[in-house]
C-alpha atoms as a PDB file:
ATOM      1  CA  MET A   1     -37.827 142.016 145.327  1.00  0.00           C
ATOM      2  CA  THR A   2     -38.074 141.384 141.613  1.00  0.00           C
ATOM      3  CA  ASN A   3     -40.346 138.332 141.850  1.00  0.00           C
ATOM      4  CA  THR A   4     -43.967 138.558 140.798  1.00  0.00           C
ATOM      5  CA  THR A   5     -44.552 134.897 141.668  1.00  0.00           C
ATOM      6  CA  ILE A   6     -42.868 132.392 143.977  1.00  0.00           C
ATOM      7  CA  GLY A   7     -42.046 128.954 142.578  1.00  0.00           C
ATOM      8  CA  GLY A   8     -41.170 125.737 144.397  1.00  0.00           C
ATOM      9  CA  ALA A   9     -37.405 126.359 144.424  1.00  0.00           C
ATOM     10  CA  LEU A  10     -37.813 129.784 146.007  1.00  0.00           C
ATOM     11  CA  LEU A  11     -40.359 128.540 148.550  1.00  0.00           C
ATOM     12  CA  ARG A  12     -37.890 125.812 149.507  1.00  0.00           C
ATOM     13  CA  GLU A  13     -35.227 128.467 150.203  1.00  0.00           C
ATOM     14  CA  MET A  14     -37.731 130.557 152.166  1.00  0.00           C
ATOM     15  CA  PHE A  15     -38.495 127.648 154.493  1.00  0.00           C
ATOM     16  CA  LEU A  16     -34.787 126.851 154.929  1.00  0.00           C
ATOM     17  CA  THR A  17     -33.933 130.491 155.688  1.00  0.00           C
ATOM     18  CA  GLY A  18     -36.800 130.796 158.173  1.00  0.00           C
ATOM     19  CA  ALA A  19     -35.583 127.662 159.955  1.00  0.00           C
ATOM     20  CA  ALA A  20     -31.987 128.924 159.988  1.00  0.00           C
ATOM     21  CA  LEU A  21     -32.991 132.257 161.535  1.00  0.00           C
ATOM     22  CA  LEU A  22     -35.022 130.411 164.157  1.00  0.00           C
ATOM     23  CA  ASP A  23     -32.015 128.184 164.915  1.00  0.00           C
ATOM     24  CA  LYS A  24     -29.803 131.233 165.385  1.00  0.00           C
ATOM     25  CA  ASN A  25     -32.246 132.777 167.888  1.00  0.00           C
ATOM     26  CA  LYS A  26     -33.707 129.743 169.667  1.00  0.00           C
ATOM     27  CA  ALA A  27     -31.879 130.480 172.955  1.00  0.00           C
ATOM     28  CA  LEU A  28     -33.361 134.002 172.969  1.00  0.00           C
ATOM     29  CA  ILE A  29     -36.849 132.602 172.405  1.00  0.00           C
ATOM     30  CA  ASP A  30     -36.305 129.996 175.152  1.00  0.00           C
ATOM     31  CA  SER A  31     -35.476 132.864 177.542  1.00  0.00           C
ATOM     32  CA  LEU A  32     -38.860 134.527 176.824  1.00  0.00           C
ATOM     33  CA  ASN A  33     -40.856 131.367 177.560  1.00  0.00           C
ATOM     34  CA  VAL A  34     -43.075 132.030 180.613  1.00  0.00           C
ATOM     35  CA  PHE A  35     -46.517 130.990 179.277  1.00  0.00           C
ATOM     36  CA  PRO A  36     -48.315 128.586 179.597  1.00  0.00           C
ATOM     37  CA  VAL A  37     -45.470 126.998 181.596  1.00  0.00           C
ATOM     38  CA  PRO A  38     -42.123 128.727 182.238  1.00  0.00           C
ATOM     39  CA  ASP A  39     -40.065 125.760 181.044  1.00  0.00           C
ATOM     40  CA  GLY A  40     -37.744 127.676 178.688  1.00  0.00           C
ATOM     41  CA  ASP A  41     -38.073 125.438 175.651  1.00  0.00           C
ATOM     42  CA  THR A  42     -40.314 127.257 173.140  1.00  0.00           C
ATOM     43  CA  GLY A  43     -37.432 128.201 170.828  1.00  0.00           C
ATOM     44  CA  THR A  44     -35.991 124.695 170.951  1.00  0.00           C
ATOM     45  CA  ASN A  45     -39.405 123.097 170.316  1.00  0.00           C
ATOM     46  CA  MET A  46     -40.190 125.406 167.399  1.00  0.00           C
ATOM     47  CA  PHE A  47     -36.757 124.784 165.886  1.00  0.00           C
ATOM     48  CA  MET A  48     -37.130 120.998 166.195  1.00  0.00           C
ATOM     49  CA  THR A  49     -40.510 121.307 164.473  1.00  0.00           C
ATOM     50  CA  MET A  50     -38.987 123.373 161.648  1.00  0.00           C
ATOM     51  CA  GLN A  51     -36.066 120.945 161.494  1.00  0.00           C
ATOM     52  CA  GLY A  52     -38.586 118.193 160.737  1.00  0.00           C
ATOM     53  CA  ALA A  53     -39.998 120.358 157.939  1.00  0.00           C
ATOM     54  CA  VAL A  54     -36.518 121.053 156.540  1.00  0.00           C
ATOM     55  CA  LYS A  55     -35.618 117.355 156.521  1.00  0.00           C
ATOM     56  CA  GLU A  56     -38.745 116.507 154.510  1.00  0.00           C
ATOM     57  CA  ILE A  57     -38.241 119.484 152.163  1.00  0.00           C
ATOM     58  CA  LYS A  58     -34.671 118.418 151.400  1.00  0.00           C
ATOM     59  CA  GLU A  59     -35.891 114.924 150.494  1.00  0.00           C
ATOM     60  CA  CYS A  60     -38.743 116.269 148.331  1.00  0.00           C
ATOM     61  CA  LYS A  61     -38.235 115.744 144.608  1.00  0.00           C
ATOM     62  CA  GLY A  62     -41.129 118.015 143.635  1.00  0.00           C
ATOM     63  CA  ASP A  63     -40.673 121.537 142.326  1.00  0.00           C
ATOM     64  CA  THR A  64     -44.098 123.153 142.762  1.00  0.00           C
ATOM     65  CA  VAL A  65     -45.135 125.288 145.734  1.00  0.00           C
ATOM     66  CA  ALA A  66     -47.843 122.708 146.499  1.00  0.00           C
ATOM     67  CA  GLU A  67     -45.283 119.889 146.764  1.00  0.00           C
ATOM     68  CA  ILE A  68     -42.782 121.906 148.824  1.00  0.00           C
ATOM     69  CA  ALA A  69     -45.503 123.137 151.208  1.00  0.00           C
ATOM     70  CA  ALA A  70     -46.867 119.587 151.563  1.00  0.00           C
ATOM     71  CA  ALA A  71     -43.378 118.349 152.473  1.00  0.00           C
ATOM     72  CA  ALA A  72     -42.999 121.135 155.048  1.00  0.00           C
ATOM     73  CA  SER A  73     -46.376 120.255 156.524  1.00  0.00           C
ATOM     74  CA  LEU A  74     -45.634 116.530 156.742  1.00  0.00           C
ATOM     75  CA  GLY A  75     -42.184 117.065 158.232  1.00  0.00           C
ATOM     76  CA  SER A  76     -43.387 119.606 160.794  1.00  0.00           C
ATOM     77  CA  LEU A  77     -46.230 117.329 161.900  1.00  0.00           C
ATOM     78  CA  ARG A  78     -43.753 114.486 162.403  1.00  0.00           C
ATOM     79  CA  GLY A  79     -41.262 116.730 164.187  1.00  0.00           C
ATOM     80  CA  ALA A  80     -43.715 118.780 166.280  1.00  0.00           C
ATOM     81  CA  ARG A  81     -42.586 119.328 169.880  1.00  0.00           C
ATOM     82  CA  GLY A  82     -44.435 121.134 172.659  1.00  0.00           C
ATOM     83  CA  ASN A  83     -47.445 123.464 172.392  1.00  0.00           C
ATOM     84  CA  SER A  84     -45.648 125.976 170.179  1.00  0.00           C
ATOM     85  CA  GLY A  85     -44.351 123.261 167.848  1.00  0.00           C
ATOM     86  CA  VAL A  86     -47.781 121.705 167.459  1.00  0.00           C
ATOM     87  CA  ILE A  87     -49.331 125.111 166.676  1.00  0.00           C
ATOM     88  CA  LEU A  88     -46.541 125.859 164.185  1.00  0.00           C
ATOM     89  CA  SER A  89     -47.107 122.507 162.479  1.00  0.00           C
ATOM     90  CA  GLN A  90     -50.816 123.333 162.154  1.00  0.00           C
ATOM     91  CA  ILE A  91     -49.992 126.738 160.634  1.00  0.00           C
ATOM     92  CA  LEU A  92     -47.836 124.935 158.047  1.00  0.00           C
ATOM     93  CA  ARG A  93     -50.579 122.345 157.523  1.00  0.00           C
ATOM     94  CA  GLY A  94     -53.142 125.037 156.685  1.00  0.00           C
ATOM     95  CA  PHE A  95     -50.570 126.880 154.577  1.00  0.00           C
ATOM     96  CA  SER A  96     -50.058 123.699 152.564  1.00  0.00           C
ATOM     97  CA  ARG A  97     -53.786 123.106 152.178  1.00  0.00           C
ATOM     98  CA  ALA A  98     -54.225 126.568 150.650  1.00  0.00           C
ATOM     99  CA  LEU A  99     -51.534 125.800 148.061  1.00  0.00           C
ATOM    100  CA  ALA A 100     -52.889 122.389 147.015  1.00  0.00           C
ATOM    101  CA  GLY A 101     -52.440 121.942 143.258  1.00  0.00           C
ATOM    102  CA  ALA A 102     -50.585 125.245 142.777  1.00  0.00           C
ATOM    103  CA  GLU A 103     -47.348 125.401 140.777  1.00  0.00           C
ATOM    104  CA  GLU A 104     -46.520 128.970 141.828  1.00  0.00           C
ATOM    105  CA  MET A 105     -48.027 131.600 144.086  1.00  0.00           C
ATOM    106  CA  ASP A 106     -48.478 135.340 143.893  1.00  0.00           C
ATOM    107  CA  ALA A 107     -48.759 137.709 146.860  1.00  0.00           C
ATOM    108  CA  THR A 108     -52.528 137.141 147.063  1.00  0.00           C
ATOM    109  CA  LEU A 109     -52.200 133.362 147.346  1.00  0.00           C
ATOM    110  CA  LEU A 110     -49.355 133.694 149.860  1.00  0.00           C
ATOM    111  CA  ALA A 111     -51.455 135.958 152.089  1.00  0.00           C
ATOM    112  CA  GLN A 112     -54.418 133.595 151.799  1.00  0.00           C
ATOM    113  CA  ALA A 113     -52.176 130.650 152.725  1.00  0.00           C
ATOM    114  CA  LEU A 114     -51.058 132.493 155.883  1.00  0.00           C
ATOM    115  CA  LYS A 115     -54.730 133.042 156.759  1.00  0.00           C
ATOM    116  CA  THR A 116     -55.661 129.402 156.135  1.00  0.00           C
ATOM    117  CA  GLY A 117     -52.702 128.356 158.266  1.00  0.00           C
ATOM    118  CA  THR A 118     -53.908 130.531 161.135  1.00  0.00           C
ATOM    119  CA  GLU A 119     -57.433 129.137 160.883  1.00  0.00           C
ATOM    120  CA  ALA A 120     -56.083 125.577 161.041  1.00  0.00           C
ATOM    121  CA  ALA A 121     -54.031 126.430 164.136  1.00  0.00           C
ATOM    122  CA  TYR A 122     -57.005 127.963 165.963  1.00  0.00           C
ATOM    123  CA  LYS A 123     -59.142 124.885 165.235  1.00  0.00           C
ATOM    124  CA  ALA A 124     -56.425 122.603 166.612  1.00  0.00           C
ATOM    125  CA  VAL A 125     -56.366 124.330 170.025  1.00  0.00           C
ATOM    126  CA  MET A 126     -59.221 123.420 172.376  1.00  0.00           C
ATOM    127  CA  LYS A 127     -59.227 126.769 174.218  1.00  0.00           C
ATOM    128  CA  PRO A 128     -57.332 129.352 172.120  1.00  0.00           C
ATOM    129  CA  LYS A 129     -55.702 132.025 174.271  1.00  0.00           C
ATOM    130  CA  GLU A 130     -55.118 135.514 172.921  1.00  0.00           C
ATOM    131  CA  GLY A 131     -51.698 137.045 173.497  1.00  0.00           C
ATOM    132  CA  THR A 132     -49.946 133.958 172.158  1.00  0.00           C
ATOM    133  CA  ILE A 133     -48.478 132.779 168.841  1.00  0.00           C
ATOM    134  CA  LEU A 134     -52.093 132.366 167.649  1.00  0.00           C
ATOM    135  CA  THR A 135     -52.788 136.091 168.024  1.00  0.00           C
ATOM    136  CA  VAL A 136     -49.562 137.029 166.257  1.00  0.00           C
ATOM    137  CA  ALA A 137     -50.317 134.618 163.384  1.00  0.00           C
ATOM    138  CA  ARG A 138     -53.924 135.825 163.034  1.00  0.00           C
ATOM    139  CA  VAL A 139     -53.227 139.559 163.034  1.00  0.00           C
ATOM    140  CA  ILE A 140     -50.332 139.167 160.564  1.00  0.00           C
ATOM    141  CA  ALA A 141     -52.500 137.050 158.248  1.00  0.00           C
ATOM    142  CA  GLU A 142     -55.513 139.385 158.368  1.00  0.00           C
ATOM    143  CA  GLU A 143     -53.383 142.416 157.526  1.00  0.00           C
ATOM    144  CA  ALA A 144     -51.490 140.464 154.846  1.00  0.00           C
ATOM    145  CA  VAL A 145     -54.762 139.619 153.078  1.00  0.00           C
ATOM    146  CA  ARG A 146     -55.764 143.302 153.094  1.00  0.00           C
ATOM    147  CA  GLN A 147     -52.347 144.329 151.775  1.00  0.00           C
ATOM    148  CA  ALA A 148     -52.441 141.716 148.994  1.00  0.00           C
ATOM    149  CA  GLU A 149     -55.873 142.981 147.936  1.00  0.00           C
ATOM    150  CA  ARG A 150     -54.373 146.453 147.554  1.00  0.00           C
ATOM    151  CA  ALA A 151     -51.265 145.268 145.646  1.00  0.00           C
ATOM    152  CA  PRO A 152     -51.599 141.640 144.415  1.00  0.00           C
ATOM    153  CA  GLU A 153     -48.102 141.448 142.876  1.00  0.00           C
ATOM    154  CA  ASP A 154     -46.083 143.526 145.329  1.00  0.00           C
ATOM    155  CA  TYR A 155     -44.030 141.245 147.589  1.00  0.00           C
ATOM    156  CA  ASP A 156     -42.028 144.166 148.959  1.00  0.00           C
ATOM    157  CA  ALA A 157     -45.165 145.826 150.276  1.00  0.00           C
ATOM    158  CA  LEU A 158     -46.572 142.508 151.494  1.00  0.00           C
ATOM    159  CA  PHE A 159     -43.529 141.550 153.552  1.00  0.00           C
ATOM    160  CA  ALA A 160     -43.049 145.098 154.842  1.00  0.00           C
ATOM    161  CA  ASN A 161     -46.646 144.816 156.050  1.00  0.00           C
ATOM    162  CA  ILE A 162     -46.109 141.324 157.548  1.00  0.00           C
ATOM    163  CA  LEU A 163     -43.019 142.392 159.500  1.00  0.00           C
ATOM    164  CA  SER A 164     -44.344 145.748 160.728  1.00  0.00           C
ATOM    165  CA  THR A 165     -47.712 144.245 161.715  1.00  0.00           C
ATOM    166  CA  GLY A 166     -45.931 141.341 163.397  1.00  0.00           C
ATOM    167  CA  ASP A 167     -43.676 143.657 165.362  1.00  0.00           C
ATOM    168  CA  THR A 168     -46.629 145.759 166.537  1.00  0.00           C
ATOM    169  CA  ILE A 169     -48.840 142.841 167.639  1.00  0.00           C
ATOM    170  CA  LEU A 170     -45.896 141.035 169.251  1.00  0.00           C
ATOM    171  CA  LYS A 171     -45.225 144.065 171.486  1.00  0.00           C
ATOM    172  CA  LYS A 172     -48.915 144.124 172.452  1.00  0.00           C
ATOM    173  CA  THR A 173     -48.806 140.506 173.690  1.00  0.00           C
ATOM    174  CA  GLN A 174     -46.951 141.730 176.770  1.00  0.00           C
ATOM    175  CA  GLN A 175     -50.139 143.501 177.887  1.00  0.00           C
ATOM    176  CA  MET A 176     -52.489 140.691 176.842  1.00  0.00           C
ATOM    177  CA  LEU A 177     -51.409 137.954 179.246  1.00  0.00           C
ATOM    178  CA  PRO A 178     -50.733 138.572 182.966  1.00  0.00           C
ATOM    179  CA  ALA A 179     -47.780 136.132 182.944  1.00  0.00           C
ATOM    180  CA  LEU A 180     -46.100 138.136 180.162  1.00  0.00           C
ATOM    181  CA  THR A 181     -46.881 141.460 181.835  1.00  0.00           C
ATOM    182  CA  GLN A 182     -45.422 140.248 185.126  1.00  0.00           C
ATOM    183  CA  ALA A 183     -42.248 138.926 183.472  1.00  0.00           C
ATOM    184  CA  GLY A 184     -41.910 141.976 181.214  1.00  0.00           C
ATOM    185  CA  VAL A 185     -41.569 139.883 178.054  1.00  0.00           C
ATOM    186  CA  VAL A 186     -43.398 139.343 174.768  1.00  0.00           C
ATOM    187  CA  ASP A 187     -44.826 135.949 173.809  1.00  0.00           C
ATOM    188  CA  ALA A 188     -42.068 133.475 172.958  1.00  0.00           C
ATOM    189  CA  GLY A 189     -44.048 131.582 170.304  1.00  0.00           C
ATOM    190  CA  GLY A 190     -45.078 134.807 168.599  1.00  0.00           C
ATOM    191  CA  ARG A 191     -41.451 135.916 168.553  1.00  0.00           C
ATOM    192  CA  GLY A 192     -40.446 132.610 166.989  1.00  0.00           C
ATOM    193  CA  LEU A 193     -43.106 132.859 164.286  1.00  0.00           C
ATOM    194  CA  LEU A 194     -42.091 136.405 163.414  1.00  0.00           C
ATOM    195  CA  LEU A 195     -38.468 135.232 163.079  1.00  0.00           C
ATOM    196  CA  ILE A 196     -39.567 132.579 160.579  1.00  0.00           C
ATOM    197  CA  TYR A 197     -41.402 135.235 158.561  1.00  0.00           C
ATOM    198  CA  MET A 198     -38.315 137.477 158.777  1.00  0.00           C
ATOM    199  CA  GLY A 199     -36.381 134.585 157.253  1.00  0.00           C
ATOM    200  CA  TYR A 200     -38.889 134.354 154.395  1.00  0.00           C
ATOM    201  CA  ALA A 201     -38.491 138.081 153.747  1.00  0.00           C
ATOM    202  CA  ALA A 202     -34.684 137.941 153.898  1.00  0.00           C
ATOM    203  CA  CYS A 203     -34.681 135.116 151.344  1.00  0.00           C
ATOM    204  CA  LEU A 204     -36.939 137.036 148.950  1.00  0.00           C
ATOM    205  CA  ARG A 205     -34.721 140.101 149.312  1.00  0.00           C
ATOM    206  CA  GLY A 206     -31.604 138.054 148.553  1.00  0.00           C
ATOM    207  CA  GLU A 207     -30.079 138.695 151.984  1.00  0.00           C
END
């Protein structure tokens, strides 16, 4: 990654790539869906939520990270479906709030935006349950903030940290909720979120 900052155009592509990767894997995520209800629609709901974000982003005339993030937030809130979609929309809402007024963002601001997004999602859930997408989002964000403090301009290190941390905590979800342990699967929402972040990373790496 050669970028030291992310501008609006690049953030737009990151969101689109994250949504595309989610689309490609939504059937897999649906198959993991056993909590809170085994209705097999987490991947579909998360994709529809991201699709709402993408629609708004494509119509956005702005070119700052604040404007692109605000469009993603608005679109995801309008398109939110199911528990996982609502939580995802709140993550994007907090992410947008952290970027308010910003033209570009460095690794530090990106990590902080992930943390603010997680905090917004936790506040939106009446009884947060650990072992879900919330846990995956929180642990990734906490570690991302620490990584950005160590290397404020290093996106390579930041996204390597995000993906490795995400992979580790996602595997642990299987032991955190009895329904997941019994089914022998990881949390579907957490898997979906990690796929979105993998899309962000792939975009930054030019893949």
